[in-house]
């Protein structure tokens, strides 16, 4: 396997470990390093993401695929799709246009957990 900028290439889509619902967690990270959101993807969402260069996810509540920015216009253009060492979590490195969170915040992680 070849390393480029610290990233090892060579993990195939079929090697991703989906949970028993056929989903894998996906962290979206802006190119500046900010964590934007966490969502889920099924195999079809990952295929569409890789094919189109736009972030696709699977909505657990609506039970359907969705493309980020489809209704809001706040798209995520894919710069890289990475998989973690256990192959059970995906990272979309993106160029975010507009806020990532449906609340209008730049990131979904804007509240501090307190005791």
C-alpha atoms as a PDB file:
ATOM      1  CA  UNK A   1       0.000   0.000   0.000  1.00  0.00           C
ATOM      2  CA  UNK A   2       1.189   3.476  -0.860  1.00  0.00           C
ATOM      3  CA  UNK A   3       1.317   6.375   1.612  1.00  0.00           C
ATOM      4  CA  UNK A   4       0.679   9.911   0.412  1.00  0.00           C
ATOM      5  CA  UNK A   5       0.538  12.823   2.888  1.00  0.00           C
ATOM      6  CA  UNK A   6       0.210  10.300   5.721  1.00  0.00           C
ATOM      7  CA  UNK A   7      -2.807   8.628   4.096  1.00  0.00           C
ATOM      8  CA  UNK A   8      -2.533   4.962   3.193  1.00  0.00           C
ATOM      9  CA  UNK A   9      -4.392   4.022   0.042  1.00  0.00           C
ATOM     10  CA  UNK A  10      -5.964   0.698  -0.786  1.00  0.00           C
ATOM     11  CA  UNK A  11      -9.146   0.111   1.254  1.00  0.00           C
ATOM     12  CA  UNK A  12     -11.950  -1.090  -1.006  1.00  0.00           C
ATOM     13  CA  UNK A  13     -15.608  -0.210  -0.528  1.00  0.00           C
ATOM     14  CA  UNK A  14     -16.413  -3.877   0.092  1.00  0.00           C
ATOM     15  CA  UNK A  15     -14.094  -3.876   3.123  1.00  0.00           C
ATOM     16  CA  UNK A  16     -16.153  -1.301   5.044  1.00  0.00           C
ATOM     17  CA  UNK A  17     -17.809  -2.870   8.094  1.00  0.00           C
ATOM     18  CA  UNK A  18     -21.459  -1.841   8.217  1.00  0.00           C
ATOM     19  CA  UNK A  19     -23.534  -2.377  11.376  1.00  0.00           C
ATOM     20  CA  UNK A  20     -26.458  -4.812  11.548  1.00  0.00           C
ATOM     21  CA  UNK A  21     -28.736  -2.170   9.972  1.00  0.00           C
ATOM     22  CA  UNK A  22     -26.367  -1.859   7.013  1.00  0.00           C
ATOM     23  CA  UNK A  23     -25.103   1.557   8.130  1.00  0.00           C
ATOM     24  CA  UNK A  24     -21.734   3.055   8.969  1.00  0.00           C
ATOM     25  CA  UNK A  25     -21.168   6.307  10.931  1.00  0.00           C
ATOM     26  CA  UNK A  26     -19.757   9.170   8.873  1.00  0.00           C
ATOM     27  CA  UNK A  27     -17.974  12.167  10.375  1.00  0.00           C
ATOM     28  CA  UNK A  28     -17.925  15.229   8.119  1.00  0.00           C
ATOM     29  CA  UNK A  29     -14.849  17.412   8.620  1.00  0.00           C
ATOM     30  CA  UNK A  30     -14.250  20.753   6.936  1.00  0.00           C
ATOM     31  CA  UNK A  31     -10.983  21.248   5.100  1.00  0.00           C
ATOM     32  CA  UNK A  32      -9.922  23.588   7.964  1.00  0.00           C
ATOM     33  CA  UNK A  33     -10.147  20.690  10.429  1.00  0.00           C
ATOM     34  CA  UNK A  34     -13.465  21.584  12.095  1.00  0.00           C
ATOM     35  CA  UNK A  35     -15.758  18.642  12.777  1.00  0.00           C
ATOM     36  CA  UNK A  36     -19.050  19.574  11.130  1.00  0.00           C
ATOM     37  CA  UNK A  37     -21.474  16.733  11.772  1.00  0.00           C
ATOM     38  CA  UNK A  38     -22.048  13.036  12.309  1.00  0.00           C
ATOM     39  CA  UNK A  39     -24.483  11.106  10.152  1.00  0.00           C
ATOM     40  CA  UNK A  40     -24.833   7.605   8.726  1.00  0.00           C
ATOM     41  CA  UNK A  41     -24.370   6.106   5.287  1.00  0.00           C
ATOM     42  CA  UNK A  42     -25.379   2.845   3.702  1.00  0.00           C
ATOM     43  CA  UNK A  43     -23.556   1.246   0.780  1.00  0.00           C
ATOM     44  CA  UNK A  44     -25.588   3.188  -1.784  1.00  0.00           C
ATOM     45  CA  UNK A  45     -24.836   6.527  -0.069  1.00  0.00           C
ATOM     46  CA  UNK A  46     -21.109   5.759  -0.112  1.00  0.00           C
ATOM     47  CA  UNK A  47     -21.261   4.767  -3.776  1.00  0.00           C
ATOM     48  CA  UNK A  48     -23.092   7.987  -4.678  1.00  0.00           C
ATOM     49  CA  UNK A  49     -20.623  10.057  -2.656  1.00  0.00           C
ATOM     50  CA  UNK A  50     -17.657   8.504  -4.443  1.00  0.00           C
ATOM     51  CA  UNK A  51     -19.335   8.768  -7.867  1.00  0.00           C
ATOM     52  CA  UNK A  52     -20.602  12.359  -7.599  1.00  0.00           C
ATOM     53  CA  UNK A  53     -18.105  14.072  -5.301  1.00  0.00           C
ATOM     54  CA  UNK A  54     -21.003  15.303  -3.141  1.00  0.00           C
ATOM     55  CA  UNK A  55     -21.776  14.046   0.377  1.00  0.00           C
ATOM     56  CA  UNK A  56     -24.631  11.546   0.547  1.00  0.00           C
ATOM     57  CA  UNK A  57     -26.044  10.041   3.726  1.00  0.00           C
ATOM     58  CA  UNK A  58     -28.823   7.721   4.876  1.00  0.00           C
ATOM     59  CA  UNK A  59     -31.511   9.184   7.129  1.00  0.00           C
ATOM     60  CA  UNK A  60     -32.392   6.743   9.900  1.00  0.00           C
ATOM     61  CA  UNK A  61     -35.581   8.657  10.755  1.00  0.00           C
ATOM     62  CA  UNK A  62     -36.850   9.020   7.176  1.00  0.00           C
ATOM     63  CA  UNK A  63     -35.374   5.696   6.022  1.00  0.00           C
ATOM     64  CA  UNK A  64     -34.026   7.216   2.812  1.00  0.00           C
ATOM     65  CA  UNK A  65     -30.924   8.526   1.091  1.00  0.00           C
ATOM     66  CA  UNK A  66     -30.219  12.246   1.099  1.00  0.00           C
ATOM     67  CA  UNK A  67     -27.602  14.530  -0.401  1.00  0.00           C
ATOM     68  CA  UNK A  68     -26.283  17.253   1.892  1.00  0.00           C
ATOM     69  CA  UNK A  69     -27.484  20.595   0.565  1.00  0.00           C
ATOM     70  CA  UNK A  70     -30.217  19.098  -1.617  1.00  0.00           C
ATOM     71  CA  UNK A  71     -32.894  21.301  -0.042  1.00  0.00           C
ATOM     72  CA  UNK A  72     -30.821  23.914   1.858  1.00  0.00           C
ATOM     73  CA  UNK A  73     -28.137  24.567  -0.745  1.00  0.00           C
ATOM     74  CA  UNK A  74     -25.474  24.033   1.962  1.00  0.00           C
ATOM     75  CA  UNK A  75     -23.500  21.452   0.017  1.00  0.00           C
ATOM     76  CA  UNK A  76     -20.538  19.367   1.054  1.00  0.00           C
ATOM     77  CA  UNK A  77     -18.082  18.905  -1.802  1.00  0.00           C
ATOM     78  CA  UNK A  78     -15.893  15.884  -1.137  1.00  0.00           C
ATOM     79  CA  UNK A  79     -12.126  16.342  -0.962  1.00  0.00           C
ATOM     80  CA  UNK A  80     -11.399  12.869   0.448  1.00  0.00           C
ATOM     81  CA  UNK A  81     -13.240   9.853   1.808  1.00  0.00           C
ATOM     82  CA  UNK A  82     -11.230   8.105   4.510  1.00  0.00           C
ATOM     83  CA  UNK A  83     -11.903   4.999   6.586  1.00  0.00           C
ATOM     84  CA  UNK A  84     -10.663   4.433  10.136  1.00  0.00           C
ATOM     85  CA  UNK A  85      -8.271   1.672  11.227  1.00  0.00           C
ATOM     86  CA  UNK A  86     -11.140  -0.717  12.103  1.00  0.00           C
ATOM     87  CA  UNK A  87     -12.925   0.046   8.813  1.00  0.00           C
ATOM     88  CA  UNK A  88     -16.166   0.769  10.688  1.00  0.00           C
ATOM     89  CA  UNK A  89     -16.240   4.585  10.572  1.00  0.00           C
ATOM     90  CA  UNK A  90     -15.931   6.921   7.586  1.00  0.00           C
ATOM     91  CA  UNK A  91     -14.573  10.459   7.420  1.00  0.00           C
ATOM     92  CA  UNK A  92     -15.720  12.799   4.662  1.00  0.00           C
ATOM     93  CA  UNK A  93     -13.215  15.640   4.301  1.00  0.00           C
ATOM     94  CA  UNK A  94     -15.287  18.358   2.630  1.00  0.00           C
ATOM     95  CA  UNK A  95     -15.558  21.908   1.390  1.00  0.00           C
ATOM     96  CA  UNK A  96     -18.680  23.101   3.178  1.00  0.00           C
ATOM     97  CA  UNK A  97     -20.816  25.825   1.632  1.00  0.00           C
ATOM     98  CA  UNK A  98     -22.972  27.565   4.224  1.00  0.00           C
ATOM     99  CA  UNK A  99     -23.774  26.138   7.649  1.00  0.00           C
ATOM    100  CA  UNK A 100     -23.489  22.376   8.113  1.00  0.00           C
ATOM    101  CA  UNK A 101     -26.143  22.145  10.826  1.00  0.00           C
ATOM    102  CA  UNK A 102     -29.880  22.285  10.130  1.00  0.00           C
ATOM    103  CA  UNK A 103     -30.097  24.820  13.014  1.00  0.00           C
ATOM    104  CA  UNK A 104     -28.083  27.321  10.974  1.00  0.00           C
ATOM    105  CA  UNK A 105     -24.917  26.853  13.039  1.00  0.00           C
ATOM    106  CA  UNK A 106     -21.651  26.302  11.184  1.00  0.00           C
ATOM    107  CA  UNK A 107     -21.234  22.914  12.909  1.00  0.00           C
ATOM    108  CA  UNK A 108     -23.635  20.555  14.686  1.00  0.00           C
ATOM    109  CA  UNK A 109     -21.252  20.534  17.669  1.00  0.00           C
ATOM    110  CA  UNK A 110     -22.049  23.909  19.240  1.00  0.00           C
ATOM    111  CA  UNK A 111     -23.307  22.867  22.702  1.00  0.00           C
ATOM    112  CA  UNK A 112     -21.108  21.922  25.651  1.00  0.00           C
ATOM    113  CA  UNK A 113     -22.064  18.864  27.719  1.00  0.00           C
ATOM    114  CA  UNK A 114     -22.248  19.722  31.413  1.00  0.00           C
ATOM    115  CA  UNK A 115     -22.634  17.656  34.569  1.00  0.00           C
END
